All heavy atoms as atom14 arrays in JSON, in Angstrom:
{
  "sequence": "LIVDYNLPFAEMVALGHYDWVNDNITSKRFPIVGEGVVRYEAKLFQ",
  "atom14_mask": [
    [1, 1, 1, 1, 1, 1, 1, 1, 0, 0, 0, 0, 0, 0],
    [1, 1, 1, 1, 1, 1, 1, 1, 0, 0, 0, 0, 0, 0],
    [1, 1, 1, 1, 1, 1, 1, 0, 0, 0, 0, 0, 0, 0],
    [1, 1, 1, 1, 1, 1, 1, 1, 0, 0, 0, 0, 0, 0],
    [1, 1, 1, 1, 1, 1, 1, 1, 1, 1, 1, 1, 0, 0],
    [1, 1, 1, 1, 1, 1, 1, 1, 0, 0, 0, 0, 0, 0],
    [1, 1, 1, 1, 1, 1, 1, 1, 0, 0, 0, 0, 0, 0],
    [1, 1, 1, 1, 1, 1, 1, 0, 0, 0, 0, 0, 0, 0],
    [1, 1, 1, 1, 1, 1, 1, 1, 1, 1, 1, 0, 0, 0],
    [1, 1, 1, 1, 1, 0, 0, 0, 0, 0, 0, 0, 0, 0],
    [1, 1, 1, 1, 1, 1, 1, 1, 1, 0, 0, 0, 0, 0],
    [1, 1, 1, 1, 1, 1, 1, 1, 0, 0, 0, 0, 0, 0],
    [1, 1, 1, 1, 1, 1, 1, 0, 0, 0, 0, 0, 0, 0],
    [1, 1, 1, 1, 1, 0, 0, 0, 0, 0, 0, 0, 0, 0],
    [1, 1, 1, 1, 1, 1, 1, 1, 0, 0, 0, 0, 0, 0],
    [1, 1, 1, 1, 0, 0, 0, 0, 0, 0, 0, 0, 0, 0],
    [1, 1, 1, 1, 1, 1, 1, 1, 1, 1, 0, 0, 0, 0],
    [1, 1, 1, 1, 1, 1, 1, 1, 1, 1, 1, 1, 0, 0],
    [1, 1, 1, 1, 1, 1, 1, 1, 0, 0, 0, 0, 0, 0],
    [1, 1, 1, 1, 1, 1, 1, 1, 1, 1, 1, 1, 1, 1],
    [1, 1, 1, 1, 1, 1, 1, 0, 0, 0, 0, 0, 0, 0],
    [1, 1, 1, 1, 1, 1, 1, 1, 0, 0, 0, 0, 0, 0],
    [1, 1, 1, 1, 1, 1, 1, 1, 0, 0, 0, 0, 0, 0],
    [1, 1, 1, 1, 1, 1, 1, 1, 0, 0, 0, 0, 0, 0],
    [1, 1, 1, 1, 1, 1, 1, 1, 0, 0, 0, 0, 0, 0],
    [1, 1, 1, 1, 1, 1, 1, 0, 0, 0, 0, 0, 0, 0],
    [1, 1, 1, 1, 1, 1, 0, 0, 0, 0, 0, 0, 0, 0],
    [1, 1, 1, 1, 1, 1, 1, 1, 1, 0, 0, 0, 0, 0],
    [1, 1, 1, 1, 1, 1, 1, 1, 1, 1, 1, 0, 0, 0],
    [1, 1, 1, 1, 1, 1, 1, 1, 1, 1, 1, 0, 0, 0],
    [1, 1, 1, 1, 1, 1, 1, 0, 0, 0, 0, 0, 0, 0],
    [1, 1, 1, 1, 1, 1, 1, 1, 0, 0, 0, 0, 0, 0],
    [1, 1, 1, 1, 1, 1, 1, 0, 0, 0, 0, 0, 0, 0],
    [1, 1, 1, 1, 0, 0, 0, 0, 0, 0, 0, 0, 0, 0],
    [1, 1, 1, 1, 1, 1, 1, 1, 1, 0, 0, 0, 0, 0],
    [1, 1, 1, 1, 0, 0, 0, 0, 0, 0, 0, 0, 0, 0],
    [1, 1, 1, 1, 1, 1, 1, 0, 0, 0, 0, 0, 0, 0],
    [1, 1, 1, 1, 1, 1, 1, 0, 0, 0, 0, 0, 0, 0],
    [1, 1, 1, 1, 1, 1, 1, 1, 1, 1, 1, 0, 0, 0],
    [1, 1, 1, 1, 1, 1, 1, 1, 1, 1, 1, 1, 0, 0],
    [1, 1, 1, 1, 1, 1, 1, 1, 1, 0, 0, 0, 0, 0],
    [1, 1, 1, 1, 1, 0, 0, 0, 0, 0, 0, 0, 0, 0],
    [1, 1, 1, 1, 1, 1, 1, 1, 1, 0, 0, 0, 0, 0],
    [1, 1, 1, 1, 1, 1, 1, 1, 0, 0, 0, 0, 0, 0],
    [1, 1, 1, 1, 1, 1, 1, 1, 1, 1, 1, 0, 0, 0],
    [1, 1, 1, 1, 1, 1, 1, 1, 1, 0, 0, 0, 0, 0]
  ],
  "atom14_positions": [
    [[0.84, -1.19, 0.0], [0.0, 0.0, 0.0], [0.88, 1.25, 0.0], [1.87, 1.32, 0.73], [-0.88, 0.04, 1.25], [-2.06, -0.9, 1.36], [-2.84, -0.57, 2.63], [-2.96, -0.82, 0.15], [0.0, 0.0, 0.0], [0.0, 0.0, 0.0], [0.0, 0.0, 0.0], [0.0, 0.0, 0.0], [0.0, 0.0, 0.0], [0.0, 0.0, 0.0]],
    [[0.5, 2.21, -0.79], [1.16, 3.51, -0.79], [0.17, 4.52, -0.21], [-0.89, 4.76, -0.8], [1.57, 3.95, -2.21], [2.39, 2.85, -2.9], [2.35, 5.26, -2.15], [3.69, 2.53, -2.23], [0.0, 0.0, 0.0], [0.0, 0.0, 0.0], [0.0, 0.0, 0.0], [0.0, 0.0, 0.0], [0.0, 0.0, 0.0], [0.0, 0.0, 0.0]],
    [[0.5, 5.07, 0.95], [-0.37, 6.06, 1.58], [0.26, 7.44, 1.43], [1.38, 7.68, 1.91], [-0.58, 5.75, 3.08], [-1.42, 6.84, 3.73], [-1.27, 4.39, 3.24], [0.0, 0.0, 0.0], [0.0, 0.0, 0.0], [0.0, 0.0, 0.0], [0.0, 0.0, 0.0], [0.0, 0.0, 0.0], [0.0, 0.0, 0.0], [0.0, 0.0, 0.0]],
    [[-0.46, 8.32, 0.75], [0.02, 9.69, 0.56], [-0.72, 10.59, 1.56], [-1.87, 10.98, 1.35], [-0.27, 10.15, -0.87], [0.35, 11.51, -1.18], [0.83, 12.17, -0.24], [0.35, 11.91, -2.37], [0.0, 0.0, 0.0], [0.0, 0.0, 0.0], [0.0, 0.0, 0.0], [0.0, 0.0, 0.0], [0.0, 0.0, 0.0], [0.0, 0.0, 0.0]],
    [[-0.03, 10.91, 2.64], [-0.64, 11.72, 3.69], [-0.81, 13.18, 3.27], [-1.46, 13.96, 3.98], [0.21, 11.64, 4.96], [0.08, 10.32, 5.68], [1.03, 9.32, 5.5], [-0.97, 10.08, 6.56], [0.93, 8.1, 6.17], [-1.09, 8.88, 7.23], [-0.13, 7.89, 7.03], [-0.26, 6.69, 7.7], [0.0, 0.0, 0.0], [0.0, 0.0, 0.0]],
    [[-0.25, 13.56, 2.13], [-0.39, 14.93, 1.65], [-1.76, 15.17, 1.03], [-2.17, 16.32, 0.85], [0.7, 15.24, 0.61], [2.1, 15.06, 1.17], [2.41, 15.59, 2.24], [2.95, 14.33, 0.46], [0.0, 0.0, 0.0], [0.0, 0.0, 0.0], [0.0, 0.0, 0.0], [0.0, 0.0, 0.0], [0.0, 0.0, 0.0], [0.0, 0.0, 0.0]],
    [[-2.48, 14.1, 0.67], [-3.77, 14.24, 0.01], [-4.85, 14.66, 1.0], [-4.89, 14.18, 2.13], [-4.18, 12.93, -0.65], [-3.32, 12.42, -1.81], [-3.85, 11.06, -2.28], [-3.35, 13.42, -2.97], [0.0, 0.0, 0.0], [0.0, 0.0, 0.0], [0.0, 0.0, 0.0], [0.0, 0.0, 0.0], [0.0, 0.0, 0.0], [0.0, 0.0, 0.0]],
    [[-5.77, 15.52, 0.56], [-6.92, 15.84, 1.4], [-7.8, 14.59, 1.59], [-7.81, 13.69, 0.74], [-7.67, 16.91, 0.59], [-6.68, 17.43, -0.4], [-5.76, 16.28, -0.7], [0.0, 0.0, 0.0], [0.0, 0.0, 0.0], [0.0, 0.0, 0.0], [0.0, 0.0, 0.0], [0.0, 0.0, 0.0], [0.0, 0.0, 0.0], [0.0, 0.0, 0.0]],
    [[-8.54, 14.56, 2.68], [-9.39, 13.41, 2.98], [-10.35, 13.11, 1.83], [-10.51, 11.96, 1.42], [-10.18, 13.69, 4.26], [-11.01, 12.54, 4.74], [-10.5, 11.6, 5.61], [-12.33, 12.4, 4.32], [-11.27, 10.53, 6.06], [-13.11, 11.34, 4.76], [-12.57, 10.41, 5.63], [0.0, 0.0, 0.0], [0.0, 0.0, 0.0], [0.0, 0.0, 0.0]],
    [[-11.0, 14.15, 1.31], [-11.98, 13.95, 0.24], [-11.35, 13.31, -1.0], [-11.99, 12.49, -1.68], [-12.62, 15.28, -0.13], [0.0, 0.0, 0.0], [0.0, 0.0, 0.0], [0.0, 0.0, 0.0], [0.0, 0.0, 0.0], [0.0, 0.0, 0.0], [0.0, 0.0, 0.0], [0.0, 0.0, 0.0], [0.0, 0.0, 0.0], [0.0, 0.0, 0.0]],
    [[-10.11, 13.65, -1.29], [-9.44, 13.07, -2.45], [-9.08, 11.61, -2.2], [-9.16, 10.77, -3.11], [-8.18, 13.88, -2.8], [-7.56, 13.45, -4.12], [-6.47, 14.39, -4.59], [-6.39, 15.52, -4.06], [-5.68, 14.0, -5.47], [0.0, 0.0, 0.0], [0.0, 0.0, 0.0], [0.0, 0.0, 0.0], [0.0, 0.0, 0.0], [0.0, 0.0, 0.0]],
    [[-8.69, 11.28, -0.96], [-8.41, 9.89, -0.62], [-9.65, 9.02, -0.86], [-9.56, 7.9, -1.37], [-7.98, 9.77, 0.84], [-6.58, 10.24, 1.15], [-6.17, 9.85, 2.88], [-4.43, 10.33, 2.93], [0.0, 0.0, 0.0], [0.0, 0.0, 0.0], [0.0, 0.0, 0.0], [0.0, 0.0, 0.0], [0.0, 0.0, 0.0], [0.0, 0.0, 0.0]],
    [[-10.81, 9.55, -0.49], [-12.06, 8.82, -0.69], [-12.39, 8.73, -2.18], [-12.74, 7.66, -2.69], [-13.22, 9.51, 0.06], [-14.56, 8.86, -0.29], [-12.99, 9.45, 1.57], [0.0, 0.0, 0.0], [0.0, 0.0, 0.0], [0.0, 0.0, 0.0], [0.0, 0.0, 0.0], [0.0, 0.0, 0.0], [0.0, 0.0, 0.0], [0.0, 0.0, 0.0]],
    [[-12.24, 9.85, -2.9], [-12.6, 9.89, -4.32], [-11.76, 8.93, -5.16], [-12.25, 8.38, -6.16], [-12.44, 11.32, -4.85], [0.0, 0.0, 0.0], [0.0, 0.0, 0.0], [0.0, 0.0, 0.0], [0.0, 0.0, 0.0], [0.0, 0.0, 0.0], [0.0, 0.0, 0.0], [0.0, 0.0, 0.0], [0.0, 0.0, 0.0], [0.0, 0.0, 0.0]],
    [[-10.51, 8.68, -4.76], [-9.65, 7.77, -5.52], [-10.18, 6.34, -5.54], [-9.78, 5.54, -6.37], [-8.23, 7.8, -4.93], [-7.41, 9.06, -5.23], [-6.1, 9.04, -4.43], [-7.12, 9.16, -6.72], [0.0, 0.0, 0.0], [0.0, 0.0, 0.0], [0.0, 0.0, 0.0], [0.0, 0.0, 0.0], [0.0, 0.0, 0.0], [0.0, 0.0, 0.0]],
    [[-11.09, 6.02, -4.61], [-11.67, 4.68, -4.58], [-12.74, 4.45, -5.64], [-13.11, 3.31, -5.9], [0.0, 0.0, 0.0], [0.0, 0.0, 0.0], [0.0, 0.0, 0.0], [0.0, 0.0, 0.0], [0.0, 0.0, 0.0], [0.0, 0.0, 0.0], [0.0, 0.0, 0.0], [0.0, 0.0, 0.0], [0.0, 0.0, 0.0], [0.0, 0.0, 0.0]],
    [[-13.25, 5.54, -6.23], [-14.29, 5.45, -7.28], [-15.44, 4.54, -6.84], [-15.87, 3.65, -7.58], [-13.68, 4.95, -8.59], [-12.62, 5.83, -9.15], [-12.86, 7.08, -9.67], [-11.26, 5.66, -9.21], [-11.72, 7.64, -10.07], [-10.73, 6.81, -9.79], [0.0, 0.0, 0.0], [0.0, 0.0, 0.0], [0.0, 0.0, 0.0], [0.0, 0.0, 0.0]],
    [[-15.93, 4.77, -5.64], [-17.02, 3.95, -5.1], [-18.35, 4.34, -5.74], [-18.55, 5.49, -6.14], [-17.1, 4.11, -3.58], [-15.81, 3.78, -2.87], [-14.98, 4.78, -2.38], [-15.4, 2.46, -2.72], [-13.79, 4.49, -1.75], [-14.21, 2.14, -2.08], [-13.41, 3.17, -1.6], [-12.23, 2.87, -0.98], [0.0, 0.0, 0.0], [0.0, 0.0, 0.0]],
    [[-19.25, 3.37, -5.77], [-20.6, 3.66, -6.27], [-21.43, 4.37, -5.21], [-22.41, 5.04, -5.53], [-21.28, 2.35, -6.69], [-20.58, 1.73, -7.89], [-20.65, 2.31, -8.98], [-19.94, 0.67, -7.73], [0.0, 0.0, 0.0], [0.0, 0.0, 0.0], [0.0, 0.0, 0.0], [0.0, 0.0, 0.0], [0.0, 0.0, 0.0], [0.0, 0.0, 0.0]],
    [[-21.08, 4.22, -3.96], [-21.73, 4.97, -2.89], [-20.76, 5.09, -1.71], [-19.89, 4.24, -1.52], [-23.04, 4.32, -2.44], [-22.89, 3.14, -1.54], [-22.83, 3.14, -0.17], [-22.73, 1.78, -1.93], [-22.65, 1.86, 0.3], [-22.59, 1.0, -0.76], [-22.71, 1.12, -3.17], [-22.43, -0.38, -0.79], [-22.54, -0.25, -3.2], [-22.41, -0.98, -2.02]],
    [[-20.94, 6.16, -0.94], [-20.14, 6.42, 0.26], [-21.08, 6.86, 1.36], [-21.93, 7.74, 1.15], [-19.08, 7.51, 0.02], [-18.31, 7.81, 1.31], [-18.11, 7.1, -1.09], [0.0, 0.0, 0.0], [0.0, 0.0, 0.0], [0.0, 0.0, 0.0], [0.0, 0.0, 0.0], [0.0, 0.0, 0.0], [0.0, 0.0, 0.0], [0.0, 0.0, 0.0]],
    [[-20.96, 6.28, 2.53], [-21.79, 6.66, 3.66], [-21.55, 8.12, 4.02], [-20.4, 8.56, 4.15], [-21.48, 5.75, 4.86], [-22.44, 5.95, 6.01], [-22.48, 7.01, 6.63], [-23.21, 4.91, 6.31], [0.0, 0.0, 0.0], [0.0, 0.0, 0.0], [0.0, 0.0, 0.0], [0.0, 0.0, 0.0], [0.0, 0.0, 0.0], [0.0, 0.0, 0.0]],
    [[-22.62, 8.88, 4.2], [-22.51, 10.32, 4.47], [-21.81, 10.63, 5.78], [-21.34, 11.76, 5.98], [-23.9, 10.96, 4.48], [-24.56, 10.96, 3.11], [-23.82, 10.87, 2.11], [-25.8, 11.04, 3.04], [0.0, 0.0, 0.0], [0.0, 0.0, 0.0], [0.0, 0.0, 0.0], [0.0, 0.0, 0.0], [0.0, 0.0, 0.0], [0.0, 0.0, 0.0]],
    [[-21.75, 9.68, 6.69], [-21.11, 9.91, 7.99], [-19.59, 9.79, 7.93], [-18.92, 10.03, 8.94], [-21.65, 8.93, 9.03], [-23.09, 9.23, 9.41], [-23.39, 10.32, 9.88], [-23.98, 8.28, 9.18], [0.0, 0.0, 0.0], [0.0, 0.0, 0.0], [0.0, 0.0, 0.0], [0.0, 0.0, 0.0], [0.0, 0.0, 0.0], [0.0, 0.0, 0.0]],
    [[-19.06, 9.39, 6.79], [-17.61, 9.25, 6.66], [-17.02, 10.61, 6.3], [-17.05, 11.03, 5.13], [-17.25, 8.17, 5.61], [-17.81, 6.82, 6.05], [-15.73, 8.08, 5.42], [-17.63, 5.71, 5.03], [0.0, 0.0, 0.0], [0.0, 0.0, 0.0], [0.0, 0.0, 0.0], [0.0, 0.0, 0.0], [0.0, 0.0, 0.0], [0.0, 0.0, 0.0]],
    [[-16.52, 11.29, 7.3], [-15.94, 12.62, 7.13], [-14.58, 12.68, 7.81], [-14.25, 11.84, 8.65], [-16.86, 13.69, 7.75], [-16.93, 13.47, 9.18], [-18.27, 13.62, 7.18], [0.0, 0.0, 0.0], [0.0, 0.0, 0.0], [0.0, 0.0, 0.0], [0.0, 0.0, 0.0], [0.0, 0.0, 0.0], [0.0, 0.0, 0.0], [0.0, 0.0, 0.0]],
    [[-13.82, 13.71, 7.47], [-12.49, 13.87, 8.07], [-12.59, 14.19, 9.56], [-11.66, 13.89, 10.32], [-11.73, 14.99, 7.35], [-12.45, 16.22, 7.43], [0.0, 0.0, 0.0], [0.0, 0.0, 0.0], [0.0, 0.0, 0.0], [0.0, 0.0, 0.0], [0.0, 0.0, 0.0], [0.0, 0.0, 0.0], [0.0, 0.0, 0.0], [0.0, 0.0, 0.0]],
    [[-13.7, 14.76, 9.99], [-13.88, 15.07, 11.41], [-14.1, 13.8, 12.21], [-13.55, 13.64, 13.31], [-15.06, 16.03, 11.59], [-15.28, 16.45, 13.04], [-16.42, 17.45, 13.15], [-16.65, 17.88, 14.59], [-17.75, 18.88, 14.71], [0.0, 0.0, 0.0], [0.0, 0.0, 0.0], [0.0, 0.0, 0.0], [0.0, 0.0, 0.0], [0.0, 0.0, 0.0]],
    [[-14.89, 12.88, 11.68], [-15.2, 11.64, 12.41], [-14.11, 10.59, 12.25], [-13.94, 9.72, 13.09], [-16.54, 11.08, 11.94], [-17.72, 11.91, 12.43], [-19.04, 11.27, 12.07], [-20.13, 11.96, 12.76], [-21.28, 12.29, 12.19], [-21.48, 12.01, 10.91], [-22.23, 12.88, 12.89], [0.0, 0.0, 0.0], [0.0, 0.0, 0.0], [0.0, 0.0, 0.0]],
    [[-13.37, 10.66, 11.14], [-12.31, 9.68, 10.87], [-11.02, 10.42, 10.54], [-10.57, 10.42, 9.39], [-12.74, 8.74, 9.73], [-13.93, 7.89, 10.07], [-15.21, 8.34, 9.81], [-13.76, 6.65, 10.67], [-16.32, 7.55, 10.14], [-14.85, 5.86, 11.0], [-16.14, 6.32, 10.74], [0.0, 0.0, 0.0], [0.0, 0.0, 0.0], [0.0, 0.0, 0.0]],
    [[-10.43, 11.08, 11.53], [-9.23, 11.89, 11.29], [-8.02, 11.03, 10.89], [-7.89, 9.88, 11.3], [-8.99, 12.59, 12.63], [-9.64, 11.69, 13.64], [-10.83, 11.09, 12.96], [0.0, 0.0, 0.0], [0.0, 0.0, 0.0], [0.0, 0.0, 0.0], [0.0, 0.0, 0.0], [0.0, 0.0, 0.0], [0.0, 0.0, 0.0], [0.0, 0.0, 0.0]],
    [[-7.16, 11.64, 10.09], [-5.94, 10.97, 9.63], [-4.74, 11.8, 10.08], [-4.72, 13.02, 9.88], [-5.94, 10.82, 8.1], [-7.04, 9.83, 7.68], [-4.58, 10.36, 7.59], [-7.21, 9.71, 6.17], [0.0, 0.0, 0.0], [0.0, 0.0, 0.0], [0.0, 0.0, 0.0], [0.0, 0.0, 0.0], [0.0, 0.0, 0.0], [0.0, 0.0, 0.0]],
    [[-3.76, 11.13, 10.68], [-2.55, 11.81, 11.14], [-1.34, 11.14, 10.49], [-1.17, 9.92, 10.58], [-2.42, 11.73, 12.69], [-1.13, 12.39, 13.14], [-3.63, 12.38, 13.35], [0.0, 0.0, 0.0], [0.0, 0.0, 0.0], [0.0, 0.0, 0.0], [0.0, 0.0, 0.0], [0.0, 0.0, 0.0], [0.0, 0.0, 0.0], [0.0, 0.0, 0.0]],
    [[-0.52, 11.92, 9.81], [0.67, 11.37, 9.17], [1.28, 12.39, 8.24], [0.67, 13.42, 7.92], [0.0, 0.0, 0.0], [0.0, 0.0, 0.0], [0.0, 0.0, 0.0], [0.0, 0.0, 0.0], [0.0, 0.0, 0.0], [0.0, 0.0, 0.0], [0.0, 0.0, 0.0], [0.0, 0.0, 0.0], [0.0, 0.0, 0.0], [0.0, 0.0, 0.0]],
    [[2.49, 12.09, 7.77], [3.2, 13.0, 6.88], [3.85, 12.23, 5.75], [4.27, 11.08, 5.92], [4.27, 13.78, 7.64], [3.74, 14.71, 8.72], [4.86, 15.46, 9.44], [6.04, 15.08, 9.23], [4.56, 16.39, 10.19], [0.0, 0.0, 0.0], [0.0, 0.0, 0.0], [0.0, 0.0, 0.0], [0.0, 0.0, 0.0], [0.0, 0.0, 0.0]],
    [[3.95, 12.9, 4.61], [4.68, 12.33, 3.48], [3.98, 11.16, 2.82], [2.77, 10.95, 2.96], [0.0, 0.0, 0.0], [0.0, 0.0, 0.0], [0.0, 0.0, 0.0], [0.0, 0.0, 0.0], [0.0, 0.0, 0.0], [0.0, 0.0, 0.0], [0.0, 0.0, 0.0], [0.0, 0.0, 0.0], [0.0, 0.0, 0.0], [0.0, 0.0, 0.0]],
    [[4.77, 10.4, 2.08], [4.28, 9.22, 1.38], [4.93, 8.0, 2.03], [6.15, 7.9, 2.08], [4.62, 9.28, -0.13], [4.15, 8.02, -0.83], [3.99, 10.52, -0.76], [0.0, 0.0, 0.0], [0.0, 0.0, 0.0], [0.0, 0.0, 0.0], [0.0, 0.0, 0.0], [0.0, 0.0, 0.0], [0.0, 0.0, 0.0], [0.0, 0.0, 0.0]],
    [[4.12, 7.07, 2.5], [4.62, 5.94, 3.27], [4.16, 4.63, 2.63], [3.01, 4.5, 2.21], [4.12, 5.99, 4.74], [4.72, 4.84, 5.55], [4.48, 7.32, 5.38], [0.0, 0.0, 0.0], [0.0, 0.0, 0.0], [0.0, 0.0, 0.0], [0.0, 0.0, 0.0], [0.0, 0.0, 0.0], [0.0, 0.0, 0.0], [0.0, 0.0, 0.0]],
    [[5.08, 3.68, 2.55], [4.77, 2.35, 2.01], [4.47, 1.39, 3.15], [5.2, 1.35, 4.14], [5.94, 1.82, 1.16], [6.22, 2.62, -0.08], [7.45, 2.14, -0.81], [7.2, 0.88, -1.52], [7.81, -0.27, -1.27], [8.7, -0.34, -0.28], [7.56, -1.34, -1.99], [0.0, 0.0, 0.0], [0.0, 0.0, 0.0], [0.0, 0.0, 0.0]],
    [[3.39, 0.63, 2.99], [3.01, -0.37, 3.98], [2.84, -1.72, 3.3], [2.48, -1.79, 2.12], [1.68, -0.01, 4.65], [1.72, 1.23, 5.52], [1.43, 2.48, 4.98], [2.01, 1.14, 6.87], [1.44, 3.62, 5.77], [2.03, 2.28, 7.67], [1.74, 3.51, 7.11], [1.76, 4.64, 7.9], [0.0, 0.0, 0.0], [0.0, 0.0, 0.0]],
    [[3.08, -2.77, 4.06], [2.7, -4.11, 3.64], [1.34, -4.39, 4.26], [1.08, -4.02, 5.4], [3.73, -5.12, 4.13], [3.53, -6.52, 3.56], [4.61, -7.48, 4.03], [5.47, -7.07, 4.84], [4.58, -8.65, 3.6], [0.0, 0.0, 0.0], [0.0, 0.0, 0.0], [0.0, 0.0, 0.0], [0.0, 0.0, 0.0], [0.0, 0.0, 0.0]],
    [[0.45, -5.01, 3.5], [-0.9, -5.26, 4.0], [-1.32, -6.7, 3.72], [-0.84, -7.33, 2.77], [-1.89, -4.29, 3.35], [0.0, 0.0, 0.0], [0.0, 0.0, 0.0], [0.0, 0.0, 0.0], [0.0, 0.0, 0.0], [0.0, 0.0, 0.0], [0.0, 0.0, 0.0], [0.0, 0.0, 0.0], [0.0, 0.0, 0.0], [0.0, 0.0, 0.0]],
    [[-2.21, -7.21, 4.55], [-2.79, -8.54, 4.34], [-4.26, -8.51, 4.74], [-4.69, -7.67, 5.54], [-2.07, -9.61, 5.17], [-0.76, -10.1, 4.59], [-0.22, -11.29, 5.38], [1.07, -11.82, 4.78], [1.55, -13.03, 5.52], [0.0, 0.0, 0.0], [0.0, 0.0, 0.0], [0.0, 0.0, 0.0], [0.0, 0.0, 0.0], [0.0, 0.0, 0.0]],
    [[-5.01, -9.47, 4.21], [-6.39, -9.68, 4.61], [-6.49, -11.0, 5.34], [-6.03, -12.03, 4.83], [-7.31, -9.7, 3.38], [-7.48, -8.39, 2.62], [-8.3, -8.62, 1.36], [-8.15, -7.34, 3.5], [0.0, 0.0, 0.0], [0.0, 0.0, 0.0], [0.0, 0.0, 0.0], [0.0, 0.0, 0.0], [0.0, 0.0, 0.0], [0.0, 0.0, 0.0]],
    [[-7.07, -10.97, 6.53], [-7.3, -12.2, 7.29], [-8.79, -12.48, 7.33], [-9.59, -11.6, 7.63], [-6.77, -12.05, 8.72], [-5.29, -12.21, 8.85], [-4.43, -11.18, 8.51], [-4.75, -13.4, 9.29], [-3.06, -11.32, 8.63], [-3.38, -13.56, 9.43], [-2.53, -12.52, 9.08], [0.0, 0.0, 0.0], [0.0, 0.0, 0.0], [0.0, 0.0, 0.0]],
    [[-9.15, -13.73, 7.05], [-10.53, -14.17, 7.17], [-10.53, -15.5, 7.92], [-9.87, -16.45, 7.5], [-11.18, -14.34, 5.79], [-12.66, -14.66, 5.85], [-13.27, -14.71, 4.46], [-12.61, -15.02, 3.48], [-14.56, -14.4, 4.37], [0.0, 0.0, 0.0], [0.0, 0.0, 0.0], [0.0, 0.0, 0.0], [0.0, 0.0, 0.0], [0.0, 0.0, 0.0]]
  ]
}
């Protein structure tokens, strides 16, 4: 995963090209703290 902390919250959401987004998902309710561009390794567990 490449996380660009320089992007505004709305742009991070828009990059997902979702067919719908819950109206309660806002930067105030789901704040993001970080700087720069950071690489992460990710996995899905089920």
